[in-house]
Amino acid sequence: MEKAIVEIRYCTLCQWLFRATWMAQELLNTFSQELGQVQLTPVQGGIYEIWINGTLVFSFKEERRFPEPKEIKQMVRDVIAPEKNLGHSDKK
C-alpha cells in the first residue's frame, strides 16, 4: 500500500512556519508507519491549509481558526488509517 502524503500550506508573511512545523512533527510522530511524506509549502495570503493526498481537509480561511492537533490527527487517521487507535487524541 502506498503511504499517504500530507501537505501543510502556511503563510510566510503571517510567520506561521513554527505552527506548521509543529503540526508536521505531531503528525510524523503519530503516523510514523502510515505517512510517506509531510510537505511544508510556504505561500502568502493568510493561508494555513492541511491537505491529505491532494484533498483539502482543513482551511484557516474557511474555519476562521487554527486546528487543534487532536482534530487534525483524527482527520488524518480517518483518511489513512481508520483502524488506528490514537490513545488520548482519540474521539470521545
N, C-alpha and C. Protein backbone atom coordinates (compact mmCIF):
# COMPACT_ATOMS: atom_id res chain seq x y z
N MET A 1 0.84 -1.19 0.00
CA MET A 1 0.00 0.00 0.00
C MET A 1 0.88 1.25 0.00
N GLU A 2 0.51 2.20 -0.83
CA GLU A 2 1.26 3.45 -0.92
C GLU A 2 1.00 4.31 0.31
N LYS A 3 2.05 4.91 0.83
CA LYS A 3 1.91 5.74 2.03
C LYS A 3 1.34 7.10 1.69
N ALA A 4 0.62 7.66 2.64
CA ALA A 4 -0.07 8.94 2.45
C ALA A 4 0.90 10.11 2.44
N ILE A 5 0.46 11.19 1.80
CA ILE A 5 1.21 12.45 1.77
C ILE A 5 0.33 13.53 2.37
N VAL A 6 0.87 14.21 3.37
CA VAL A 6 0.20 15.35 3.97
C VAL A 6 0.97 16.60 3.57
N GLU A 7 0.24 17.61 3.14
CA GLU A 7 0.85 18.90 2.80
C GLU A 7 0.26 19.95 3.71
N ILE A 8 1.14 20.74 4.30
CA ILE A 8 0.71 21.86 5.13
C ILE A 8 1.16 23.13 4.42
N ARG A 9 0.19 23.91 3.98
CA ARG A 9 0.48 25.20 3.33
C ARG A 9 0.33 26.28 4.39
N TYR A 10 1.35 27.12 4.51
CA TYR A 10 1.35 28.13 5.56
C TYR A 10 1.83 29.47 5.01
N CYS A 11 1.27 30.55 5.55
CA CYS A 11 1.61 31.90 5.11
C CYS A 11 2.94 32.34 5.71
N THR A 12 3.87 32.72 4.83
CA THR A 12 5.16 33.20 5.29
C THR A 12 5.06 34.62 5.85
N LEU A 13 4.19 35.44 5.27
CA LEU A 13 4.03 36.81 5.76
C LEU A 13 3.44 36.84 7.17
N CYS A 14 2.61 35.85 7.48
CA CYS A 14 1.98 35.75 8.80
C CYS A 14 2.90 35.07 9.82
N GLN A 15 4.03 34.57 9.34
CA GLN A 15 5.03 33.89 10.18
C GLN A 15 4.44 32.64 10.85
N TRP A 16 3.78 31.81 10.06
CA TRP A 16 3.15 30.60 10.57
C TRP A 16 4.01 29.35 10.37
N LEU A 17 5.30 29.55 10.08
CA LEU A 17 6.21 28.41 9.89
C LEU A 17 6.30 27.56 11.16
N PHE A 18 6.45 28.19 12.31
CA PHE A 18 6.57 27.44 13.56
C PHE A 18 5.36 26.55 13.78
N ARG A 19 4.17 27.10 13.55
CA ARG A 19 2.93 26.34 13.72
C ARG A 19 2.90 25.16 12.75
N ALA A 20 3.32 25.39 11.52
CA ALA A 20 3.31 24.33 10.50
C ALA A 20 4.31 23.23 10.84
N THR A 21 5.49 23.59 11.29
CA THR A 21 6.50 22.58 11.63
C THR A 21 6.08 21.78 12.86
N TRP A 22 5.44 22.45 13.80
CA TRP A 22 4.95 21.76 14.99
C TRP A 22 3.89 20.72 14.61
N MET A 23 2.97 21.11 13.73
CA MET A 23 1.93 20.18 13.29
C MET A 23 2.56 19.03 12.51
N ALA A 24 3.54 19.33 11.67
CA ALA A 24 4.22 18.27 10.91
C ALA A 24 4.87 17.27 11.87
N GLN A 25 5.51 17.76 12.89
CA GLN A 25 6.16 16.89 13.88
C GLN A 25 5.13 16.01 14.59
N GLU A 26 4.02 16.59 14.97
CA GLU A 26 2.94 15.82 15.62
C GLU A 26 2.45 14.69 14.71
N LEU A 27 2.24 15.00 13.44
CA LEU A 27 1.75 14.00 12.50
C LEU A 27 2.78 12.91 12.24
N LEU A 28 4.04 13.30 12.08
CA LEU A 28 5.10 12.32 11.84
C LEU A 28 5.29 11.39 13.03
N ASN A 29 5.15 11.92 14.23
CA ASN A 29 5.27 11.08 15.43
C ASN A 29 4.10 10.12 15.54
N THR A 30 2.90 10.59 15.25
CA THR A 30 1.70 9.77 15.40
C THR A 30 1.56 8.74 14.28
N PHE A 31 1.92 9.12 13.07
CA PHE A 31 1.70 8.26 11.89
C PHE A 31 3.03 7.87 11.23
N SER A 32 3.98 7.47 12.03
CA SER A 32 5.32 7.16 11.51
C SER A 32 5.31 6.03 10.48
N GLN A 33 4.40 5.09 10.61
CA GLN A 33 4.33 3.96 9.67
C GLN A 33 3.41 4.22 8.48
N GLU A 34 2.47 5.13 8.64
CA GLU A 34 1.45 5.34 7.61
C GLU A 34 1.78 6.47 6.63
N LEU A 35 2.61 7.43 7.06
CA LEU A 35 2.91 8.59 6.22
C LEU A 35 4.18 8.38 5.41
N GLY A 36 4.11 8.75 4.15
CA GLY A 36 5.29 8.72 3.31
C GLY A 36 6.00 10.06 3.29
N GLN A 37 5.22 11.12 3.56
CA GLN A 37 5.79 12.46 3.49
C GLN A 37 4.86 13.46 4.17
N VAL A 38 5.47 14.43 4.84
CA VAL A 38 4.75 15.62 5.27
C VAL A 38 5.48 16.79 4.62
N GLN A 39 4.79 17.46 3.77
CA GLN A 39 5.38 18.54 2.97
C GLN A 39 4.95 19.89 3.53
N LEU A 40 5.89 20.78 3.74
CA LEU A 40 5.60 22.15 4.15
C LEU A 40 5.74 23.04 2.92
N THR A 41 4.66 23.76 2.62
CA THR A 41 4.65 24.60 1.43
C THR A 41 4.42 26.06 1.82
N PRO A 42 5.46 26.90 1.67
CA PRO A 42 5.29 28.32 2.00
C PRO A 42 4.45 29.03 0.93
N VAL A 43 3.46 29.77 1.37
CA VAL A 43 2.59 30.55 0.49
C VAL A 43 2.36 31.91 1.15
N GLN A 44 1.53 32.72 0.54
CA GLN A 44 1.16 34.01 1.12
C GLN A 44 -0.35 34.14 1.10
N GLY A 45 -0.85 35.20 1.71
CA GLY A 45 -2.28 35.47 1.66
C GLY A 45 -3.06 34.94 2.84
N GLY A 46 -2.41 34.75 3.99
CA GLY A 46 -3.13 34.30 5.17
C GLY A 46 -3.57 32.84 5.10
N ILE A 47 -2.84 32.04 4.33
CA ILE A 47 -3.20 30.64 4.12
C ILE A 47 -2.60 29.76 5.20
N TYR A 48 -3.42 28.91 5.77
CA TYR A 48 -2.96 27.79 6.60
C TYR A 48 -3.92 26.65 6.28
N GLU A 49 -3.43 25.70 5.47
CA GLU A 49 -4.27 24.61 4.99
C GLU A 49 -3.56 23.28 5.21
N ILE A 50 -4.38 22.26 5.42
CA ILE A 50 -3.84 20.91 5.53
C ILE A 50 -4.53 20.05 4.48
N TRP A 51 -3.70 19.39 3.69
CA TRP A 51 -4.15 18.55 2.58
C TRP A 51 -3.68 17.13 2.83
N ILE A 52 -4.52 16.15 2.51
CA ILE A 52 -4.14 14.75 2.58
C ILE A 52 -4.33 14.14 1.20
N ASN A 53 -3.25 13.66 0.64
CA ASN A 53 -3.29 13.05 -0.71
C ASN A 53 -4.01 13.94 -1.72
N GLY A 54 -3.77 15.24 -1.65
CA GLY A 54 -4.34 16.18 -2.61
C GLY A 54 -5.74 16.67 -2.31
N THR A 55 -6.29 16.27 -1.16
CA THR A 55 -7.63 16.70 -0.77
C THR A 55 -7.54 17.64 0.43
N LEU A 56 -8.14 18.80 0.31
CA LEU A 56 -8.15 19.77 1.41
C LEU A 56 -9.00 19.25 2.56
N VAL A 57 -8.42 19.19 3.77
CA VAL A 57 -9.18 18.74 4.94
C VAL A 57 -9.34 19.82 6.00
N PHE A 58 -8.51 20.88 5.92
CA PHE A 58 -8.68 21.99 6.86
C PHE A 58 -8.17 23.28 6.22
N SER A 59 -8.94 24.35 6.40
CA SER A 59 -8.57 25.66 5.88
C SER A 59 -8.83 26.72 6.95
N PHE A 60 -7.79 27.46 7.29
CA PHE A 60 -7.90 28.56 8.25
C PHE A 60 -8.93 29.59 7.76
N LYS A 61 -8.90 29.88 6.47
CA LYS A 61 -9.82 30.88 5.93
C LYS A 61 -11.28 30.43 6.03
N GLU A 62 -11.54 29.15 5.84
CA GLU A 62 -12.91 28.65 5.94
C GLU A 62 -13.38 28.54 7.39
N GLU A 63 -12.50 28.06 8.25
CA GLU A 63 -12.87 27.81 9.65
C GLU A 63 -12.70 29.04 10.55
N ARG A 64 -11.89 29.99 10.08
CA ARG A 64 -11.58 31.21 10.84
C ARG A 64 -10.93 30.92 12.20
N ARG A 65 -10.11 29.86 12.20
CA ARG A 65 -9.38 29.46 13.40
C ARG A 65 -8.30 28.47 12.99
N PHE A 66 -7.38 28.23 13.90
CA PHE A 66 -6.38 27.20 13.68
C PHE A 66 -6.91 25.87 14.21
N PRO A 67 -6.48 24.78 13.61
CA PRO A 67 -6.93 23.48 14.09
C PRO A 67 -6.19 23.05 15.35
N GLU A 68 -6.84 22.28 16.17
CA GLU A 68 -6.18 21.65 17.31
C GLU A 68 -5.44 20.41 16.78
N PRO A 69 -4.28 20.08 17.35
CA PRO A 69 -3.56 18.89 16.89
C PRO A 69 -4.43 17.63 16.95
N LYS A 70 -5.20 17.49 18.01
CA LYS A 70 -6.09 16.33 18.16
C LYS A 70 -7.06 16.24 16.97
N GLU A 71 -7.59 17.36 16.58
CA GLU A 71 -8.55 17.43 15.47
C GLU A 71 -7.90 16.97 14.16
N ILE A 72 -6.70 17.46 13.88
CA ILE A 72 -6.02 17.10 12.64
C ILE A 72 -5.59 15.64 12.67
N LYS A 73 -5.13 15.16 13.81
CA LYS A 73 -4.77 13.74 13.92
C LYS A 73 -5.97 12.86 13.62
N GLN A 74 -7.13 13.24 14.10
CA GLN A 74 -8.34 12.47 13.84
C GLN A 74 -8.69 12.50 12.36
N MET A 75 -8.56 13.68 11.73
CA MET A 75 -8.85 13.80 10.29
C MET A 75 -7.91 12.93 9.47
N VAL A 76 -6.63 13.00 9.79
CA VAL A 76 -5.63 12.21 9.07
C VAL A 76 -5.90 10.72 9.28
N ARG A 77 -6.12 10.34 10.52
CA ARG A 77 -6.41 8.93 10.84
C ARG A 77 -7.62 8.42 10.05
N ASP A 78 -8.69 9.22 10.04
CA ASP A 78 -9.92 8.79 9.37
C ASP A 78 -9.71 8.54 7.87
N VAL A 79 -8.74 9.23 7.28
CA VAL A 79 -8.46 9.07 5.85
C VAL A 79 -7.45 7.95 5.59
N ILE A 80 -6.37 7.90 6.36
CA ILE A 80 -5.28 6.98 6.01
C ILE A 80 -5.22 5.70 6.83
N ALA A 81 -5.80 5.69 8.02
CA ALA A 81 -5.72 4.51 8.89
C ALA A 81 -6.90 4.47 9.85
N PRO A 82 -8.12 4.26 9.33
CA PRO A 82 -9.32 4.33 10.17
C PRO A 82 -9.31 3.41 11.38
N GLU A 83 -8.54 2.32 11.30
CA GLU A 83 -8.49 1.37 12.40
C GLU A 83 -7.52 1.78 13.52
N LYS A 84 -6.71 2.80 13.27
CA LYS A 84 -5.66 3.19 14.23
C LYS A 84 -6.26 3.85 15.48
N ASN A 85 -5.81 3.40 16.63
CA ASN A 85 -6.19 3.99 17.91
C ASN A 85 -5.24 5.15 18.20
N LEU A 86 -5.78 6.31 18.48
CA LEU A 86 -4.95 7.49 18.75
C LEU A 86 -4.74 7.73 20.24
N GLY A 87 -5.14 6.81 21.07
CA GLY A 87 -4.94 6.97 22.50
C GLY A 87 -5.68 8.19 23.02
N HIS A 88 -4.96 9.06 23.71
CA HIS A 88 -5.59 10.25 24.31
C HIS A 88 -6.12 11.25 23.28
N SER A 89 -5.68 11.13 22.03
CA SER A 89 -6.17 12.03 20.98
C SER A 89 -7.39 11.48 20.25
N ASP A 90 -7.86 10.32 20.69
CA ASP A 90 -8.98 9.71 20.01
C ASP A 90 -10.29 10.40 20.37
N LYS A 91 -11.27 10.21 19.48
CA LYS A 91 -12.61 10.78 19.70
C LYS A 91 -13.20 10.21 20.97
N LYS A 92 -13.94 11.01 21.66
CA LYS A 92 -14.62 10.56 22.89
C LYS A 92 -16.09 10.45 22.61
